Protein backbone atom coordinates (compact mmCIF):
# COMPACT_ATOMS: atom_id res chain seq x y z
CA MET A 1 22.83 21.97 -5.21
CA THR A 2 20.80 19.32 -4.32
CA ASP A 3 19.02 18.67 -0.78
CA PRO A 4 20.13 15.45 0.91
CA ASN A 5 16.42 15.11 1.93
CA THR A 6 16.16 14.50 -1.40
CA TYR A 7 17.78 10.86 -1.01
CA ILE A 8 16.87 10.24 2.94
CA ALA A 9 13.23 10.58 2.53
CA PRO A 10 12.48 8.03 -0.51
CA ALA A 11 15.16 5.92 1.94
CA GLU A 12 13.29 6.08 5.03
CA GLU A 13 9.70 5.28 3.01
CA LYS A 14 11.35 2.05 1.86
CA MET A 15 12.64 1.18 5.46
CA GLU A 16 8.71 1.91 6.89
CA LEU A 17 7.31 -0.42 3.66
CA ALA A 18 9.36 -3.41 4.83
CA VAL A 19 8.87 -3.23 8.60
CA ALA A 20 4.74 -2.67 7.69
CA TYR A 21 5.50 -5.40 5.55
CA LEU A 22 6.99 -7.63 7.98
CA ASP A 23 4.19 -6.61 10.50
CA GLU A 24 1.71 -7.92 8.21
CA THR A 25 3.58 -10.86 7.46
CA LEU A 26 4.35 -12.00 10.99
CA SER A 27 0.47 -11.56 11.93
CA ARG A 28 -0.51 -14.34 9.42
CA ILE A 29 1.69 -16.64 10.93
CA ARG A 30 -0.14 -19.13 13.02
CA ALA A 31 1.11 -19.47 16.51
CA GLY A 32 -1.14 -21.25 18.56
CA LYS A 33 -3.51 -18.70 19.12
CA ALA A 34 -7.10 -18.21 17.46
CA ASN A 35 -6.09 -15.36 14.87
CA PRO A 36 -8.58 -14.00 12.27
CA LYS A 37 -5.92 -12.92 10.21
CA ILE A 38 -4.15 -16.31 9.46
CA LEU A 39 -7.87 -17.08 7.26
CA ASP A 40 -6.33 -12.95 5.49
CA ALA A 41 -5.01 -15.36 2.15
CA VAL A 42 -8.46 -17.41 1.88
CA ARG A 43 -10.41 -16.75 -1.36
CA VAL A 44 -13.87 -18.27 -0.89
CA GLU A 45 -15.86 -19.41 -4.95
CA TYR A 46 -18.96 -16.42 -4.85
CA TYR A 47 -20.77 -15.82 -7.57
CA GLY A 48 -18.05 -16.63 -10.68
CA SER A 49 -15.51 -14.91 -8.71
CA LEU A 50 -12.94 -15.38 -5.92
CA ALA A 51 -13.84 -13.39 -3.18
CA PRO A 52 -11.65 -13.27 0.35
CA LEU A 53 -13.77 -14.84 2.70
CA SER A 54 -14.30 -11.87 5.12
CA ASN A 55 -16.41 -11.08 2.47
CA VAL A 56 -18.47 -13.83 1.98
CA ALA A 57 -18.73 -14.54 6.52
CA ASN A 58 -18.48 -12.83 9.47
CA ILE A 59 -14.96 -14.15 11.18
CA SER A 60 -14.82 -14.18 15.43
CA VAL A 61 -12.79 -15.38 17.37
CA PRO A 62 -14.83 -16.70 20.90
CA ASP A 63 -11.70 -18.08 22.73
CA ALA A 64 -7.75 -18.73 22.38
CA ARG A 65 -8.59 -21.64 19.90
CA THR A 66 -11.07 -21.53 18.24
CA ILE A 67 -11.87 -19.34 15.34
CA VAL A 68 -16.05 -19.11 14.19
CA ILE A 69 -16.89 -18.40 10.66
CA THR A 70 -20.47 -17.36 9.85
CA PRO A 71 -22.14 -17.19 5.87
CA TRP A 72 -24.07 -14.88 5.18
CA GLU A 73 -25.45 -16.98 3.16
CA LYS A 74 -26.28 -20.70 3.94
CA SER A 75 -25.20 -21.49 0.49
CA MET A 76 -21.81 -20.74 1.07
CA PHE A 77 -21.07 -23.34 3.48
CA LYS A 78 -19.45 -25.92 1.26
CA PRO A 79 -17.71 -23.42 -0.60
CA ILE A 80 -15.91 -21.77 1.91
CA GLU A 81 -14.86 -25.67 3.73
CA LYS A 82 -13.64 -26.11 0.25
CA ALA A 83 -11.27 -22.50 0.34
CA ILE A 84 -10.55 -23.84 4.15
CA ILE A 85 -9.57 -27.40 3.05
CA ASN A 86 -7.56 -26.00 -0.20
CA SER A 87 -5.84 -22.70 1.43
CA GLU A 88 -2.27 -23.25 3.54
CA VAL A 89 -4.52 -22.71 6.75
CA GLY A 90 -4.22 -26.36 7.75
CA ILE A 91 -7.27 -26.80 9.16
CA MET A 92 -10.11 -29.14 8.92
CA PRO A 93 -13.41 -26.84 9.22
CA GLU A 94 -16.35 -28.32 11.23
CA ASN A 95 -19.39 -27.25 10.37
CA ASN A 96 -22.68 -27.92 12.06
CA GLY A 97 -25.28 -26.07 9.63
CA GLU A 98 -25.05 -22.84 11.90
CA VAL A 99 -21.52 -21.94 12.19
CA ILE A 100 -18.21 -23.38 10.92
CA ARG A 101 -15.57 -24.11 13.36
CA LEU A 102 -11.77 -24.11 12.78
CA SER A 103 -10.23 -25.99 16.00
CA ILE A 104 -6.48 -24.22 16.14
CA PRO A 105 -4.17 -27.61 17.85
CA PRO A 106 -1.83 -26.62 19.88
CA LEU A 107 1.41 -27.01 18.32
CA THR A 108 4.07 -29.06 18.60
CA GLU A 109 7.58 -28.31 19.57
CA ASP A 110 9.64 -29.26 16.38
CA ARG A 111 6.60 -26.54 14.81
CA ARG A 112 7.44 -24.45 17.11
CA LYS A 113 10.96 -24.17 15.69
CA ALA A 114 9.92 -24.31 12.60
CA LEU A 115 7.43 -21.02 12.75
CA VAL A 116 10.83 -19.53 14.63
CA LYS A 117 12.98 -20.27 11.79
CA GLN A 118 10.37 -19.44 8.94
CA CYS A 119 9.59 -15.43 11.40
CA LYS A 120 13.80 -15.11 11.27
CA ALA A 121 13.89 -15.62 7.83
CA GLU A 122 10.56 -12.85 7.00
CA ALA A 123 12.96 -10.85 9.55
CA GLU A 124 15.71 -11.53 7.36
CA ASN A 125 14.34 -10.24 3.98
CA ALA A 126 13.14 -7.17 6.32
CA LYS A 127 16.49 -6.55 7.24
CA VAL A 128 17.86 -7.10 3.50
CA SER A 129 14.84 -4.57 2.08
CA VAL A 130 16.45 -1.64 5.02
CA ARG A 131 19.86 -2.37 4.14
CA ASN A 132 19.27 -1.91 0.28
CA ALA A 133 17.62 1.37 0.58
CA ARG A 134 20.37 3.02 3.34
CA ARG A 135 22.98 1.91 0.61
CA ASP A 136 20.95 3.37 -2.17
CA ALA A 137 20.48 6.50 -0.22
CA ILE A 138 24.43 6.51 0.67
CA ASP A 139 24.92 5.85 -3.37
CA GLY A 140 22.38 8.66 -4.64
CA LEU A 141 24.11 11.08 -1.85
CA LYS A 142 27.76 10.68 -2.89
CA LYS A 143 26.48 11.01 -6.92
CA ALA A 144 25.24 14.49 -5.52
CA ILE A 145 29.42 15.00 -4.19
CA LYS A 146 30.01 15.26 -7.90
CA GLN A 147 26.66 17.36 -8.63
CA GLY A 148 28.23 20.52 -6.35
CA MET A 149 26.91 19.30 -2.73
CA PRO A 150 29.49 19.60 -0.11
CA GLU A 151 31.47 17.01 1.45
CA ASP A 152 30.61 17.90 4.96
CA VAL A 153 26.59 17.94 4.07
CA GLU A 154 27.23 14.17 2.45
CA LYS A 155 28.85 13.21 5.31
CA ASP A 156 26.05 14.30 7.57
CA ALA A 157 23.32 13.30 5.46
CA GLU A 158 25.05 9.82 5.31
CA ALA A 159 25.31 9.42 9.19
CA SER A 160 21.28 10.40 9.43
CA VAL A 161 20.49 7.38 6.82
CA GLN A 162 22.66 5.56 9.30
CA LYS A 163 20.56 6.53 12.50
CA ILE A 164 17.67 6.00 10.23
CA HIS A 165 18.55 2.89 8.87
CA ASP A 166 19.83 1.17 12.78
CA LYS A 167 16.47 2.85 14.46
CA TYR A 168 14.50 0.35 11.44
CA LEU A 169 16.62 -2.55 12.18
CA LYS A 170 15.91 -2.10 15.86
CA LYS A 171 12.11 -2.38 14.81
CA ILE A 172 12.50 -5.43 13.20
CA ASP A 173 14.22 -6.88 15.54
CA GLU A 174 11.66 -6.12 18.48
CA LEU A 175 8.89 -7.17 16.10
CA PHE A 176 10.98 -10.51 15.48
CA ALA A 177 11.16 -11.07 19.31
CA ALA A 178 7.76 -10.16 19.98
CA LYS A 179 6.40 -13.20 17.07
CA GLU A 180 9.03 -15.39 18.59
CA LYS A 181 8.02 -15.13 22.15
CA GLU A 182 4.32 -15.61 21.11
CA ILE A 183 4.98 -18.55 19.12
CA LEU A 184 7.39 -20.39 22.04
CA THR A 185 5.13 -19.65 25.27
CA VAL A 186 2.88 -22.73 25.90
């Protein structure tokens, strides 16, 4: 007889990964406040290879609307500025010779709605991943009946998978609601 946990544990792990990925993705969406994570995707030309911005400069947030980038080498000002301009950050850097400043502009109502829509799409993708993990686990359990697993054990395992599924969908809804509130707060 196969153990139902051989199907439940991988499904729960996939659901956990979907929620973690959603959390990471939502943290990169600019919500009108300065957040250094919006620069995570920026790559800078550094000695012939592309390096993450955080590997060539110090990134700090002195206030709610400003990100300050302090390059570790003076020669890195131009490549950092170029990388930020060419990235999807959408903010023009200001260089005073000592530091590079990014002033986060306040979001317009239309931009806020677009960001909420983007977050909702990301949350929906995470929900689809969670549902797929549930479906895979239930399919595996149904096949296990043919291999000798008792039907009552399979039904209990299926109910357990459903509970785990519901728990992760609730987490996704909570993450989305928090991000939506953050975006819509003026």
